[in-house]
Amino acid sequence: MNRHEEKAYYVYIMASKRNGTLYIGVTGDLVRRVYEHRNGLMPGFTKNYDVHMLMYYEKTSDVEAALNREKHLKHWRRQWKVALIEEHNPEWKDLWNDIIQ
């Protein structure tokens, strides 16, 4: 990475289905991380609850901002998380194809 390229960090929300189980995470490689969730490659919550659809993500170049945003969203009420998804993705479309293009 040259000095003009910024590192990107992503805060994302995955779901098992529309209005299903939600998971919030943060990563420096959104495609790789969502691929891992989709394919059950990492043991834990998303594999156990079949949480494999990307519903929402936001990007920043500041790792501290990403970590703080993840922590903040995890403390939100469920209805606020659902409202955030529906504001940006009202059809609850899996955004996987959008991020791999």
C-alpha atoms as a PDB file:
ATOM      1  CA  MET A   1       0.000   0.000   0.000  1.00  0.00           C
ATOM      2  CA  ASN A   2       1.523   3.304  -0.960  1.00  0.00           C
ATOM      3  CA  ARG A   3       1.183   6.340   1.260  1.00  0.00           C
ATOM      4  CA  HIS A   4      -1.677   7.741  -0.833  1.00  0.00           C
ATOM      5  CA  GLU A   5      -3.898   4.699  -0.322  1.00  0.00           C
ATOM      6  CA  GLU A   6      -6.094   4.737   2.746  1.00  0.00           C
ATOM      7  CA  LYS A   7      -6.842   1.584   4.673  1.00  0.00           C
ATOM      8  CA  ALA A   8     -10.577   0.926   4.826  1.00  0.00           C
ATOM      9  CA  TYR A   9     -12.462  -0.446   7.807  1.00  0.00           C
ATOM     10  CA  TYR A  10     -16.044  -1.631   7.728  1.00  0.00           C
ATOM     11  CA  VAL A  11     -18.756  -1.960  10.338  1.00  0.00           C
ATOM     12  CA  TYR A  12     -21.375  -4.381   9.097  1.00  0.00           C
ATOM     13  CA  ILE A  13     -24.630  -6.069  10.024  1.00  0.00           C
ATOM     14  CA  MET A  14     -25.409  -9.639   9.001  1.00  0.00           C
ATOM     15  CA  ALA A  15     -28.795 -11.354   9.331  1.00  0.00           C
ATOM     16  CA  SER A  16     -30.134 -14.902   9.173  1.00  0.00           C
ATOM     17  CA  LYS A  17     -33.204 -13.673   7.244  1.00  0.00           C
ATOM     18  CA  ARG A  18     -35.476 -10.627   7.102  1.00  0.00           C
ATOM     19  CA  ASN A  19     -36.111  -9.607  10.726  1.00  0.00           C
ATOM     20  CA  GLY A  20     -34.057 -12.610  11.831  1.00  0.00           C
ATOM     21  CA  THR A  21     -31.018 -12.962  14.053  1.00  0.00           C
ATOM     22  CA  LEU A  22     -28.581 -10.056  13.692  1.00  0.00           C
ATOM     23  CA  TYR A  23     -24.810  -9.882  14.067  1.00  0.00           C
ATOM     24  CA  ILE A  24     -22.652  -6.746  14.091  1.00  0.00           C
ATOM     25  CA  GLY A  25     -18.961  -6.882  13.299  1.00  0.00           C
ATOM     26  CA  VAL A  26     -15.971  -4.849  12.150  1.00  0.00           C
ATOM     27  CA  THR A  27     -13.288  -5.792   9.635  1.00  0.00           C
ATOM     28  CA  GLY A  28     -10.549  -4.444   7.413  1.00  0.00           C
ATOM     29  CA  ASP A  29     -11.560  -6.815   4.576  1.00  0.00           C
ATOM     30  CA  LEU A  30     -15.324  -6.873   4.075  1.00  0.00           C
ATOM     31  CA  VAL A  31     -15.379  -9.344   1.181  1.00  0.00           C
ATOM     32  CA  ARG A  32     -13.196 -11.887   2.992  1.00  0.00           C
ATOM     33  CA  ARG A  33     -15.108 -11.563   6.266  1.00  0.00           C
ATOM     34  CA  VAL A  34     -18.568 -11.849   4.702  1.00  0.00           C
ATOM     35  CA  TYR A  35     -17.338 -14.842   2.676  1.00  0.00           C
ATOM     36  CA  GLU A  36     -16.273 -16.481   5.942  1.00  0.00           C
ATOM     37  CA  HIS A  37     -19.692 -15.818   7.503  1.00  0.00           C
ATOM     38  CA  ARG A  38     -21.567 -17.044   4.410  1.00  0.00           C
ATOM     39  CA  ASN A  39     -19.614 -20.283   4.288  1.00  0.00           C
ATOM     40  CA  GLY A  40     -19.497 -21.045   8.005  1.00  0.00           C
ATOM     41  CA  LEU A  41     -15.693 -20.950   8.038  1.00  0.00           C
ATOM     42  CA  MET A  42     -15.435 -19.411  11.500  1.00  0.00           C
ATOM     43  CA  PRO A  43     -16.884 -21.201  14.518  1.00  0.00           C
ATOM     44  CA  GLY A  44     -19.176 -19.157  16.710  1.00  0.00           C
ATOM     45  CA  PHE A  45     -22.345 -17.112  16.702  1.00  0.00           C
ATOM     46  CA  THR A  46     -22.904 -16.583  12.975  1.00  0.00           C
ATOM     47  CA  LYS A  47     -22.266 -20.244  12.165  1.00  0.00           C
ATOM     48  CA  ASN A  48     -24.442 -21.478  15.051  1.00  0.00           C
ATOM     49  CA  TYR A  49     -27.369 -19.220  14.104  1.00  0.00           C
ATOM     50  CA  ASP A  50     -26.987 -19.395  10.301  1.00  0.00           C
ATOM     51  CA  VAL A  51     -26.356 -15.651  10.045  1.00  0.00           C
ATOM     52  CA  HIS A  52     -25.044 -15.374   6.489  1.00  0.00           C
ATOM     53  CA  MET A  53     -26.662 -12.405   4.714  1.00  0.00           C
ATOM     54  CA  LEU A  54     -25.008  -8.967   4.573  1.00  0.00           C
ATOM     55  CA  MET A  55     -27.714  -6.394   5.269  1.00  0.00           C
ATOM     56  CA  TYR A  56     -25.781  -3.183   5.955  1.00  0.00           C
ATOM     57  CA  TYR A  57     -22.253  -1.823   6.067  1.00  0.00           C
ATOM     58  CA  GLU A  58     -20.468   1.466   6.467  1.00  0.00           C
ATOM     59  CA  LYS A  59     -16.876   2.346   5.614  1.00  0.00           C
ATOM     60  CA  THR A  60     -14.282   4.528   7.339  1.00  0.00           C
ATOM     61  CA  SER A  61     -10.529   5.045   7.118  1.00  0.00           C
ATOM     62  CA  ASP A  62     -10.268   5.382  10.908  1.00  0.00           C
ATOM     63  CA  VAL A  63      -9.876   2.080  12.776  1.00  0.00           C
ATOM     64  CA  GLU A  64     -10.794   3.662  16.127  1.00  0.00           C
ATOM     65  CA  ALA A  65     -13.966   5.138  14.631  1.00  0.00           C
ATOM     66  CA  ALA A  66     -14.899   1.710  13.232  1.00  0.00           C
ATOM     67  CA  LEU A  67     -14.321  -0.033  16.574  1.00  0.00           C
ATOM     68  CA  ASN A  68     -16.275   2.635  18.448  1.00  0.00           C
ATOM     69  CA  ARG A  69     -19.150   2.489  15.956  1.00  0.00           C
ATOM     70  CA  GLU A  70     -19.314  -1.321  16.257  1.00  0.00           C
ATOM     71  CA  LYS A  71     -19.424  -1.056  20.038  1.00  0.00           C
ATOM     72  CA  HIS A  72     -22.065   1.662  19.835  1.00  0.00           C
ATOM     73  CA  LEU A  73     -24.306  -0.321  17.450  1.00  0.00           C
ATOM     74  CA  LYS A  74     -24.030  -3.460  19.576  1.00  0.00           C
ATOM     75  CA  HIS A  75     -25.608  -1.536  22.462  1.00  0.00           C
ATOM     76  CA  TRP A  76     -28.511  -0.250  20.366  1.00  0.00           C
ATOM     77  CA  ARG A  77     -32.005  -1.634  20.833  1.00  0.00           C
ATOM     78  CA  ARG A  78     -32.962  -4.199  18.238  1.00  0.00           C
ATOM     79  CA  GLN A  79     -35.643  -1.896  16.766  1.00  0.00           C
ATOM     80  CA  TRP A  80     -32.980   0.766  16.099  1.00  0.00           C
ATOM     81  CA  LYS A  81     -30.771  -1.783  14.297  1.00  0.00           C
ATOM     82  CA  VAL A  82     -33.728  -2.909  12.180  1.00  0.00           C
ATOM     83  CA  ALA A  83     -34.568   0.733  11.399  1.00  0.00           C
ATOM     84  CA  LEU A  84     -30.960   1.357  10.310  1.00  0.00           C
ATOM     85  CA  ILE A  85     -31.094  -1.628   7.952  1.00  0.00           C
ATOM     86  CA  GLU A  86     -34.478  -0.619   6.562  1.00  0.00           C
ATOM     87  CA  GLU A  87     -33.382   2.985   6.026  1.00  0.00           C
ATOM     88  CA  HIS A  88     -30.552   1.846   3.735  1.00  0.00           C
ATOM     89  CA  ASN A  89     -31.812  -1.549   2.566  1.00  0.00           C
ATOM     90  CA  PRO A  90     -35.636  -1.556   2.791  1.00  0.00           C
ATOM     91  CA  GLU A  91     -35.962  -4.822   0.845  1.00  0.00           C
ATOM     92  CA  TRP A  92     -33.505  -6.646   3.148  1.00  0.00           C
ATOM     93  CA  LYS A  93     -31.512  -7.589   0.048  1.00  0.00           C
ATOM     94  CA  ASP A  94     -28.344  -9.580   0.677  1.00  0.00           C
ATOM     95  CA  LEU A  95     -25.589  -7.130  -0.299  1.00  0.00           C
ATOM     96  CA  TRP A  96     -23.024  -9.862  -1.076  1.00  0.00           C
ATOM     97  CA  ASN A  97     -23.271  -9.387  -4.866  1.00  0.00           C
ATOM     98  CA  ASP A  98     -22.855  -5.631  -4.442  1.00  0.00           C
ATOM     99  CA  ILE A  99     -19.548  -5.950  -2.583  1.00  0.00           C
ATOM    100  CA  ILE A 100     -17.952  -8.575  -4.838  1.00  0.00           C
ATOM    101  CA  GLN A 101     -18.394  -6.592  -8.068  1.00  0.00           C
END
